[in-house]
Amino acid sequence: MMTVTTEENVRIDPGSLSFSMWKEIPIPFYFSAYFFDIINPDEILKGEKPQVRERGPYVYREFRHKRNITFNDNDTVSYREYRNFQFQPDMSNGLESDYIVMPNILALGASVMMEDRPMSLKLIMTLIFTTFNQRAFMNRTVGEIMWGYEDPFIQLINKYFPDMFPFKGKFGLFAELNNSDSGLFTVYTGIKNFSRIHLVDKWNGISKVNYWHSDQCNMINGTSGQMWAPFMTPEYSLEFYSPEACRSMKLVYEAQGTFAGIPTYRFKAPDTLFANGTVYPPNEGFCPCLESGVQNVSTCRFNAPLFLSHPHFYNADSVLAQAVLGLDPSEKEHSLFLDIHPVTGIPMNVSVKLQLSLYIKAVKGIGQTGQIKPVVLPLLWFEERGSMEGKTLEMFYTQLVLLPRVMRYAQYVLLAVGCVLLLIPIVYHMRSQGPDSPESQPSPAAQPPPLLSPYAPLLQGPQQ
């Protein structure tokens, strides 16, 4: 009985209990950004080791809601999920007006991209940078870095090279995320075929991307990262497709736990998530790679030399953190995890932490790059976290945990009551057949005749 109820409750069906949670996530999500403020930009240009200090967090309330929900004939549903970010000054350690010294992503990124081009083109690039006052490092506000800033250089590139950058107008690290969607997802509802519930069928109409160099790395596997199939076991793994990372990622089981009295399974990133192809051959398709622990995402980020990793290069080759002063990788502070209710596959407590870094170096012919030593320089790391609370938590506990538990125990109670009711007439019948009961004594008419001896007539005397 419990299995059927749980299946009906978690499938993507307007009549299910979890549909409203799936449609518009009621869990308060927060996006926290931590910036690496560069302390010695002039020294870096002279070839010295970069030194940074962490600034933040700058916290944003993240609202998510699905639109254009369309149920298809093949047991799938298509939708777009829109996100909106609102700054939370009371939860932040600073304001959006704070200034941060960071690498000029456009200038240094374009320089590395031009490294193998003819010297004449690099000299032209130097002239353009000079004309538009593009330097190796910039001093911008948090709001500008996050959501975009106007730049004459970007306008020039978009005018003469309209397909070079995917963004128009302002440039910001997260400008494309605010008030926008992450693509058209088509996922299985589980109404007809429960075994495929929540799995992604297509993203933007395709079943695999073309960013990487192997079919395995290009596959769109798992869910959209919000719910998973129920009835998990410790052997289960959480796989989901991330449009921001341009790839599918798999988390592995770590331990059992509880959240607000609800049993959970904790899943974390394996050591091989961002390993290079030498350490973990299946990741060879994500290369060209640098040291293990950072993934090259240039192919899905307008070819800029950007890298994805855990914060502070946690769980990466130690030379990466040693190359930058001010980093302190820690499992407690910088690892990511998801706590999932195993019976329903619904997340209870989530903390996803990732870092974005820029590979910089001196490029001969481009004067703005000076004598920069090759280094993967962290730009910022961010955390998306959320946990179920309030009325949503109470409803979840009551409807999907407490009620099924009561129903399960009720089955045993009803079974016990049934057995008792069945035994009562049997016991009564057995007792009615006992040796002391009136029913067990034979009536006189039914008593057998006395046993006669051959000498009975002699004993009885003469007949009258």
Protein backbone atom coordinates (compact mmCIF):
# COMPACT_ATOMS: atom_id res chain seq x y z
CA MET A 1 0.00 0.00 0.00
CA MET A 2 2.82 2.40 0.87
CA THR A 3 4.61 1.85 -2.44
CA VAL A 4 1.53 2.77 -4.48
CA THR A 5 0.84 5.85 -2.35
CA THR A 6 4.41 7.10 -2.63
CA GLU A 7 4.46 6.62 -6.40
CA GLU A 8 1.26 8.58 -6.77
CA ASN A 9 2.56 11.34 -4.52
CA VAL A 10 5.93 11.95 -6.21
CA ARG A 11 5.19 11.63 -9.93
CA ILE A 12 4.83 14.79 -12.03
CA ASP A 13 1.07 14.88 -12.11
CA PRO A 14 -1.20 17.83 -11.26
CA GLY A 15 -3.03 15.49 -8.90
CA SER A 16 0.06 14.44 -6.90
CA LEU A 17 1.04 15.92 -3.55
CA SER A 18 4.51 16.94 -4.76
CA PHE A 19 3.39 18.62 -8.00
CA SER A 20 3.11 22.09 -6.46
CA MET A 21 6.60 21.65 -4.95
CA TRP A 22 7.94 20.64 -8.36
CA LYS A 23 6.20 23.50 -10.18
CA GLU A 24 7.36 26.26 -7.88
CA ILE A 25 10.00 25.23 -5.38
CA PRO A 26 8.75 26.35 -1.95
CA ILE A 27 12.14 25.84 -0.34
CA PRO A 28 13.91 29.18 0.21
CA PHE A 29 17.08 29.06 -1.90
CA TYR A 30 20.00 31.38 -1.30
CA PHE A 31 22.86 32.18 -3.65
CA SER A 32 26.01 33.29 -1.86
CA ALA A 33 29.00 34.72 -3.75
CA TYR A 34 32.52 34.93 -2.31
CA PHE A 35 34.96 37.04 -4.32
CA PHE A 36 38.75 36.73 -4.43
CA ASP A 37 39.91 40.34 -4.12
CA ILE A 38 43.40 40.69 -5.60
CA ILE A 39 45.82 42.40 -3.25
CA ASN A 40 48.89 42.71 -5.53
CA PRO A 41 47.83 43.33 -9.16
CA ASP A 42 50.97 45.33 -10.04
CA GLU A 43 53.24 42.60 -8.66
CA ILE A 44 51.40 39.92 -10.64
CA LEU A 45 52.18 41.86 -13.83
CA LYS A 46 55.86 41.67 -12.83
CA GLY A 47 55.73 37.88 -12.51
CA GLU A 48 55.10 37.51 -8.78
CA LYS A 49 52.69 35.05 -7.17
CA PRO A 50 49.10 36.32 -6.90
CA GLN A 51 47.77 37.13 -3.44
CA VAL A 52 44.04 37.25 -2.75
CA ARG A 53 41.66 37.80 0.14
CA GLU A 54 38.17 36.34 0.27
CA ARG A 55 35.32 38.87 0.37
CA GLY A 56 31.74 38.05 1.19
CA PRO A 57 29.39 36.38 1.33
CA TYR A 58 27.12 38.51 -0.83
CA VAL A 59 23.81 36.73 -0.40
CA TYR A 60 20.85 36.68 -2.79
CA ARG A 61 17.43 35.13 -2.32
CA GLU A 62 16.86 32.91 -5.33
CA PHE A 63 13.31 32.45 -6.59
CA ARG A 64 12.53 29.66 -9.07
CA HIS A 65 9.31 28.95 -10.90
CA LYS A 66 8.40 26.92 -13.97
CA ARG A 67 6.56 28.27 -16.99
CA ASN A 68 5.29 26.90 -20.30
CA ILE A 69 4.53 23.54 -18.66
CA THR A 70 3.39 21.19 -21.42
CA PHE A 71 2.52 17.52 -20.97
CA ASN A 72 3.50 15.41 -23.99
CA ASP A 73 2.11 12.13 -25.31
CA ASN A 74 5.30 10.16 -24.59
CA ASP A 75 5.00 10.38 -20.78
CA THR A 76 7.13 13.54 -20.61
CA VAL A 77 6.58 17.15 -19.62
CA SER A 78 8.39 20.18 -21.05
CA TYR A 79 9.01 23.42 -19.18
CA ARG A 80 11.29 26.38 -18.67
CA GLU A 81 12.42 27.33 -15.19
CA TYR A 82 12.97 31.01 -14.55
CA ARG A 83 15.17 32.40 -11.82
CA ASN A 84 15.21 35.73 -10.09
CA PHE A 85 17.81 36.99 -7.58
CA GLN A 86 17.20 39.57 -4.87
CA PHE A 87 20.06 40.89 -2.77
CA GLN A 88 19.82 40.30 1.00
CA PRO A 89 21.94 42.96 2.77
CA ASP A 90 21.04 41.68 6.25
CA MET A 91 22.51 38.26 5.40
CA SER A 92 25.55 39.60 3.55
CA ASN A 93 28.98 40.68 4.68
CA GLY A 94 29.09 43.76 2.48
CA LEU A 95 27.05 45.61 -0.13
CA GLU A 96 26.70 45.35 -3.89
CA SER A 97 28.45 48.73 -4.07
CA ASP A 98 31.68 47.24 -2.65
CA TYR A 99 34.64 47.43 -5.05
CA ILE A 100 36.60 44.28 -5.91
CA VAL A 101 39.89 44.06 -7.81
CA MET A 102 39.63 41.19 -10.29
CA PRO A 103 41.24 40.03 -13.53
CA ASN A 104 39.81 41.68 -16.61
CA ILE A 105 38.21 38.53 -17.98
CA LEU A 106 37.64 39.97 -21.44
CA ALA A 107 41.17 41.31 -21.88
CA LEU A 108 43.14 38.46 -20.30
CA GLY A 109 40.79 35.82 -21.72
CA ALA A 110 41.07 37.25 -25.21
CA SER A 111 44.87 37.43 -24.84
CA VAL A 112 45.16 33.70 -24.11
CA MET A 113 42.78 32.98 -27.00
CA MET A 114 45.06 35.03 -29.30
CA GLU A 115 48.29 33.33 -28.19
CA ASP A 116 48.69 31.22 -31.34
CA ARG A 117 47.55 33.92 -33.77
CA PRO A 118 49.94 35.91 -35.97
CA MET A 119 51.96 38.62 -34.27
CA SER A 120 50.28 41.28 -36.38
CA LEU A 121 46.88 40.40 -34.93
CA LYS A 122 48.25 40.48 -31.40
CA LEU A 123 49.73 43.92 -31.96
CA ILE A 124 46.35 45.10 -33.26
CA MET A 125 44.76 43.64 -30.13
CA THR A 126 47.23 45.58 -27.98
CA LEU A 127 46.27 48.76 -29.82
CA ILE A 128 42.56 48.09 -29.32
CA PHE A 129 43.09 47.40 -25.61
CA THR A 130 45.00 50.66 -25.27
CA THR A 131 42.38 52.63 -27.16
CA PHE A 132 39.57 51.33 -24.97
CA ASN A 133 41.60 51.51 -21.73
CA GLN A 134 41.52 47.73 -21.20
CA ARG A 135 43.99 46.69 -18.50
CA ALA A 136 44.89 43.30 -17.06
CA PHE A 137 43.01 43.98 -13.82
CA MET A 138 39.88 45.98 -13.12
CA ASN A 139 38.24 47.53 -10.08
CA ARG A 140 34.49 46.96 -10.29
CA THR A 141 31.58 46.80 -7.86
CA VAL A 142 30.03 43.52 -6.79
CA GLY A 143 26.83 44.42 -8.61
CA GLU A 144 28.72 45.12 -11.85
CA ILE A 145 30.70 41.88 -11.68
CA MET A 146 27.58 39.87 -10.92
CA TRP A 147 24.95 41.40 -13.21
CA GLY A 148 26.92 43.28 -15.83
CA TYR A 149 28.50 46.59 -16.79
CA GLU A 150 28.66 48.66 -19.94
CA ASP A 151 31.97 48.58 -21.80
CA PRO A 152 32.86 50.24 -25.12
CA PHE A 153 35.17 47.31 -25.89
CA ILE A 154 32.22 44.87 -25.71
CA GLN A 155 30.19 47.13 -28.00
CA LEU A 156 33.04 47.16 -30.53
CA ILE A 157 33.37 43.36 -30.47
CA ASN A 158 29.64 42.85 -30.85
CA LYS A 159 29.57 45.31 -33.77
CA TYR A 160 32.39 43.78 -35.83
CA PHE A 161 32.38 40.22 -34.46
CA PRO A 162 28.70 39.62 -33.61
CA ASP A 163 29.13 35.89 -32.96
CA MET A 164 32.24 36.09 -30.77
CA PHE A 165 30.38 36.60 -27.47
CA PRO A 166 26.99 35.03 -26.57
CA PHE A 167 25.94 38.13 -24.63
CA LYS A 168 24.87 41.50 -25.91
CA GLY A 169 25.16 44.77 -24.06
CA LYS A 170 26.33 44.35 -20.48
CA PHE A 171 28.93 41.78 -19.43
CA GLY A 172 28.65 40.10 -16.02
CA LEU A 173 29.48 36.69 -14.64
CA PHE A 174 25.82 35.92 -13.84
CA ALA A 175 24.06 38.39 -16.11
CA GLU A 176 22.48 35.58 -18.10
CA LEU A 177 20.98 33.90 -15.01
CA ASN A 178 18.90 36.72 -13.54
CA ASN A 179 15.32 36.97 -14.84
CA SER A 180 15.97 34.24 -17.37
CA ASP A 181 15.65 30.49 -17.79
CA SER A 182 18.21 27.70 -18.07
CA GLY A 183 16.81 26.18 -21.26
CA LEU A 184 13.90 24.00 -22.28
CA PHE A 185 13.85 20.82 -20.20
CA THR A 186 11.81 17.75 -21.15
CA VAL A 187 11.63 15.16 -18.37
CA TYR A 188 9.70 11.96 -17.73
CA THR A 189 6.65 12.29 -15.50
CA GLY A 190 6.54 8.71 -14.18
CA ILE A 191 2.77 8.51 -14.77
CA LYS A 192 2.97 5.69 -17.33
CA ASN A 193 6.51 4.41 -16.75
CA PHE A 194 7.50 5.02 -13.15
CA SER A 195 11.03 3.62 -13.65
CA ARG A 196 12.04 6.76 -15.65
CA ILE A 197 10.51 9.34 -13.33
CA HIS A 198 12.30 12.75 -13.35
CA LEU A 199 14.95 11.62 -15.87
CA VAL A 200 15.79 14.17 -18.55
CA ASP A 201 14.63 13.17 -22.01
CA LYS A 202 15.95 16.25 -23.80
CA TRP A 203 17.40 19.67 -23.07
CA ASN A 204 16.73 22.34 -25.68
CA GLY A 205 15.54 19.55 -27.95
CA ILE A 206 18.75 17.49 -27.81
CA SER A 207 19.70 14.35 -25.89
CA LYS A 208 23.44 15.15 -25.85
CA VAL A 209 25.55 18.28 -26.10
CA ASN A 210 28.53 18.90 -28.38
CA TYR A 211 30.85 20.79 -26.04
CA TRP A 212 33.17 17.88 -25.27
CA HIS A 213 35.32 15.32 -27.05
CA SER A 214 33.62 12.03 -26.17
CA ASP A 215 30.09 10.68 -26.34
CA GLN A 216 30.23 9.78 -22.66
CA CYS A 217 31.03 13.36 -21.61
CA ASN A 218 28.43 14.81 -23.98
CA MET A 219 25.56 12.66 -22.72
CA ILE A 220 22.71 14.36 -20.85
CA ASN A 221 22.18 11.93 -17.98
CA GLY A 222 20.13 11.90 -14.81
CA THR A 223 17.50 14.40 -13.71
CA SER A 224 17.29 18.19 -13.88
CA GLY A 225 18.71 18.33 -10.35
CA GLN A 226 15.54 18.95 -8.33
CA MET A 227 13.99 15.55 -7.60
CA TRP A 228 15.07 11.96 -8.05
CA ALA A 229 13.42 8.55 -8.20
CA PRO A 230 12.11 7.29 -4.83
CA PHE A 231 13.04 4.15 -2.89
CA MET A 232 16.79 4.82 -2.84
CA THR A 233 19.42 2.47 -1.47
CA PRO A 234 23.01 3.25 -0.42
CA GLU A 235 24.12 1.83 -3.78
CA TYR A 236 22.19 4.61 -5.53
CA SER A 237 23.97 7.63 -7.09
CA LEU A 238 22.55 11.07 -7.84
CA GLU A 239 23.08 12.10 -11.44
CA PHE A 240 21.83 15.36 -12.93
CA TYR A 241 22.46 17.67 -15.87
CA SER A 242 23.70 21.19 -15.11
CA PRO A 243 23.33 23.77 -17.93
CA GLU A 244 25.72 26.09 -16.07
CA ALA A 245 28.44 23.43 -15.98
CA CYS A 246 27.46 22.25 -19.49
CA ARG A 247 27.65 18.63 -18.36
CA SER A 248 26.06 15.89 -16.31
CA MET A 249 27.43 15.33 -12.82
CA LYS A 250 27.15 12.34 -10.52
CA LEU A 251 27.19 12.39 -6.72
CA VAL A 252 27.80 9.31 -4.58
CA TYR A 253 26.33 8.08 -1.30
CA GLU A 254 28.19 9.08 1.87
CA ALA A 255 26.07 8.33 4.96
CA GLN A 256 22.63 8.09 6.53
CA GLY A 257 21.31 10.93 8.62
CA THR A 258 18.20 12.82 9.66
CA PHE A 259 16.83 16.26 8.92
CA ALA A 260 14.12 17.60 11.25
CA GLY A 261 13.28 14.03 12.22
CA ILE A 262 13.12 12.87 8.60
CA PRO A 263 15.57 10.11 7.55
CA THR A 264 17.97 11.19 4.81
CA TYR A 265 20.81 9.91 2.64
CA ARG A 266 23.72 12.30 2.14
CA PHE A 267 25.34 12.38 -1.29
CA LYS A 268 28.60 14.16 -2.08
CA ALA A 269 30.89 14.75 -5.03
CA PRO A 270 33.35 11.92 -5.68
CA ASP A 271 37.05 12.65 -5.81
CA THR A 272 36.92 12.11 -9.57
CA LEU A 273 34.29 14.76 -10.38
CA PHE A 274 36.83 17.31 -11.68
CA ALA A 275 39.79 14.95 -12.07
CA ASN A 276 41.72 15.21 -15.32
CA GLY A 277 41.94 12.43 -17.90
CA THR A 278 45.24 11.14 -16.54
CA VAL A 279 43.84 10.52 -13.06
CA TYR A 280 40.38 9.42 -14.25
CA PRO A 281 40.31 8.26 -17.91
CA PRO A 282 36.52 8.75 -18.42
CA ASN A 283 37.12 12.50 -17.97
CA GLU A 284 39.53 12.61 -20.90
CA GLY A 285 36.66 13.93 -23.02
CA PHE A 286 36.62 17.15 -20.95
CA CYS A 287 40.24 17.92 -21.83
CA PRO A 288 42.48 19.71 -22.74
CA CYS A 289 43.20 19.57 -19.03
CA LEU A 290 45.58 21.18 -16.60
CA GLU A 291 46.28 19.80 -13.13
CA SER A 292 43.70 17.42 -11.71
CA GLY A 293 40.82 19.05 -9.88
CA VAL A 294 39.89 21.80 -12.35
CA GLN A 295 37.69 21.33 -15.40
CA ASN A 296 38.17 23.34 -18.56
CA VAL A 297 34.79 24.89 -19.48
CA SER A 298 36.09 27.15 -22.25
CA THR A 299 34.20 25.26 -24.96
CA CYS A 300 30.86 26.28 -23.44
CA ARG A 301 31.97 29.74 -22.27
CA PHE A 302 32.77 31.58 -25.54
CA ASN A 303 36.23 29.89 -25.58
CA ALA A 304 37.51 31.98 -22.67
CA PRO A 305 40.03 30.01 -20.55
CA LEU A 306 37.62 29.47 -17.64
CA PHE A 307 37.83 26.56 -15.20
CA LEU A 308 35.35 25.00 -12.80
CA SER A 309 36.37 23.39 -9.50
CA HIS A 310 35.56 23.10 -5.83
CA PRO A 311 36.19 26.31 -3.80
CA HIS A 312 39.81 27.10 -2.90
CA PHE A 313 40.82 24.16 -5.14
CA TYR A 314 39.59 21.71 -2.52
CA ASN A 315 40.13 18.10 -3.61
CA ALA A 316 42.47 19.24 -6.42
CA ASP A 317 46.16 18.93 -7.09
CA SER A 318 47.92 20.84 -4.28
CA VAL A 319 50.03 22.88 -6.72
CA LEU A 320 46.91 24.85 -7.71
CA ALA A 321 46.27 26.21 -4.20
CA GLN A 322 49.99 26.70 -3.58
CA ALA A 323 50.28 28.92 -6.66
CA VAL A 324 47.97 31.55 -5.11
CA LEU A 325 48.51 33.10 -1.69
CA GLY A 326 45.43 33.37 0.50
CA LEU A 327 43.73 30.06 -0.26
CA ASP A 328 42.83 27.52 2.41
CA PRO A 329 40.94 24.47 1.05
CA SER A 330 38.74 22.72 3.61
CA GLU A 331 36.36 19.79 3.33
CA LYS A 332 34.01 21.27 5.92
CA GLU A 333 33.84 24.69 4.25
CA HIS A 334 34.18 23.83 0.58
CA SER A 335 32.65 20.42 -0.15
CA LEU A 336 29.17 20.08 -1.60
CA PHE A 337 26.37 17.75 -0.48
CA LEU A 338 22.71 16.89 -0.96
CA ASP A 339 20.55 15.35 1.78
CA ILE A 340 17.73 13.36 0.15
CA HIS A 341 14.71 11.64 1.68
CA PRO A 342 15.34 8.15 0.25
CA VAL A 343 11.69 7.03 0.17
CA THR A 344 10.49 9.94 -1.99
CA GLY A 345 13.71 11.17 -3.68
CA ILE A 346 12.95 14.76 -2.57
CA PRO A 347 15.88 16.95 -1.32
CA MET A 348 15.67 18.08 2.29
CA ASN A 349 18.91 20.05 2.62
CA VAL A 350 21.17 21.16 -0.23
CA SER A 351 24.53 22.92 -0.44
CA VAL A 352 26.19 23.09 -3.87
CA LYS A 353 29.52 24.94 -3.92
CA LEU A 354 31.57 25.65 -7.04
CA GLN A 355 34.43 27.95 -8.01
CA LEU A 356 35.08 29.79 -11.26
CA SER A 357 38.70 30.54 -12.17
CA LEU A 358 40.53 32.17 -15.09
CA TYR A 359 43.74 30.87 -16.60
CA ILE A 360 46.07 33.86 -17.15
CA LYS A 361 49.58 34.21 -18.52
CA ALA A 362 51.85 36.62 -20.37
CA VAL A 363 51.22 36.54 -24.12
CA LYS A 364 54.03 37.81 -26.28
CA GLY A 365 52.87 40.71 -28.41
CA ILE A 366 50.08 41.81 -26.07
CA GLY A 367 51.61 44.37 -23.75
CA GLN A 368 48.73 44.42 -21.26
CA THR A 369 49.69 40.93 -20.05
CA GLY A 370 53.12 42.05 -18.82
CA GLN A 371 55.16 39.21 -17.31
CA ILE A 372 52.28 37.28 -15.74
CA LYS A 373 53.34 33.76 -14.80
CA PRO A 374 50.88 31.04 -15.95
CA VAL A 375 48.36 30.47 -13.16
CA VAL A 376 44.75 29.41 -12.64
CA LEU A 377 43.51 32.46 -10.75
CA PRO A 378 40.24 32.11 -8.75
CA LEU A 379 37.61 34.73 -9.56
CA LEU A 380 34.92 33.75 -7.06
CA TRP A 381 33.19 30.78 -5.57
CA PHE A 382 29.48 30.49 -4.96
CA GLU A 383 27.08 28.39 -2.96
CA GLU A 384 23.48 27.53 -3.75
CA ARG A 385 21.82 26.28 -0.60
CA GLY A 386 18.32 25.55 0.56
CA SER A 387 16.52 23.46 3.16
CA MET A 388 12.90 22.53 3.66
CA GLU A 389 11.23 24.44 6.47
CA GLY A 390 7.97 25.84 7.86
CA LYS A 391 4.60 24.63 6.60
CA THR A 392 6.19 22.87 3.65
CA LEU A 393 8.27 20.76 6.00
CA GLU A 394 5.25 20.04 8.20
CA MET A 395 3.15 19.00 5.19
CA PHE A 396 5.95 16.85 3.84
CA TYR A 397 6.47 15.14 7.17
CA THR A 398 2.76 14.53 7.66
CA GLN A 399 1.78 13.47 4.14
CA LEU A 400 4.89 11.68 2.92
CA VAL A 401 6.52 10.39 6.10
CA LEU A 402 4.11 10.18 9.04
CA LEU A 403 0.98 9.09 7.13
CA PRO A 404 2.71 6.28 5.18
CA ARG A 405 4.30 5.14 8.45
CA VAL A 406 0.88 5.09 10.15
CA MET A 407 -0.57 3.22 7.19
CA ARG A 408 2.24 0.69 7.37
CA TYR A 409 1.66 0.06 11.06
CA ALA A 410 -2.09 0.08 10.47
CA GLN A 411 -1.63 -2.89 8.15
CA TYR A 412 -0.08 -4.87 10.97
CA VAL A 413 -2.80 -3.77 13.40
CA LEU A 414 -5.53 -4.75 10.97
CA LEU A 415 -3.78 -8.06 10.32
CA ALA A 416 -3.60 -8.72 14.06
CA VAL A 417 -7.26 -7.78 14.55
CA GLY A 418 -8.22 -10.03 11.67
CA CYS A 419 -6.31 -12.93 13.18
CA VAL A 420 -8.04 -12.37 16.54
CA LEU A 421 -11.45 -12.27 14.90
CA LEU A 422 -10.63 -15.46 13.04
CA LEU A 423 -9.44 -17.24 16.18
CA ILE A 424 -12.49 -16.37 18.30
CA PRO A 425 -14.96 -18.84 16.64
CA ILE A 426 -12.22 -21.49 16.47
CA VAL A 427 -11.50 -21.21 20.20
CA TYR A 428 -15.20 -21.12 21.00
CA HIS A 429 -15.77 -24.26 18.94
CA MET A 430 -12.87 -26.06 20.59
CA ARG A 431 -14.10 -25.14 24.04
CA SER A 432 -17.63 -26.31 23.17
CA GLN A 433 -16.15 -29.75 22.35
CA GLY A 434 -14.35 -30.10 25.70
CA PRO A 435 -14.97 -33.15 28.07
CA ASP A 436 -16.74 -31.11 30.76
CA SER A 437 -19.17 -29.38 28.52
CA PRO A 438 -22.86 -30.56 28.48
CA GLU A 439 -22.60 -30.97 24.77
CA SER A 440 -19.85 -33.55 25.22
CA GLN A 441 -22.02 -35.82 27.54
CA PRO A 442 -24.01 -38.54 25.60
CA SER A 443 -27.80 -38.65 26.06
CA PRO A 444 -29.43 -41.77 27.65
CA ALA A 445 -30.88 -42.94 24.38
CA ALA A 446 -27.51 -42.74 22.90
CA GLN A 447 -25.74 -44.74 25.62
CA PRO A 448 -24.44 -48.15 24.47
CA PRO A 449 -26.13 -51.35 25.87
CA PRO A 450 -24.50 -53.02 28.92
CA LEU A 451 -21.98 -55.69 28.29
CA LEU A 452 -23.76 -59.14 28.88
CA SER A 453 -22.06 -62.20 30.29
CA PRO A 454 -23.07 -65.78 29.22
CA TYR A 455 -23.90 -66.38 32.88
CA ALA A 456 -26.30 -63.44 33.18
CA PRO A 457 -29.48 -65.56 33.32
CA LEU A 458 -28.12 -67.56 36.25
CA LEU A 459 -27.18 -64.38 38.09
CA GLN A 460 -30.55 -62.84 37.54
CA GLY A 461 -32.49 -65.69 39.03
CA PRO A 462 -35.69 -67.30 37.76
CA GLN A 463 -38.00 -65.33 35.48
CA GLN A 464 -41.43 -64.56 36.69
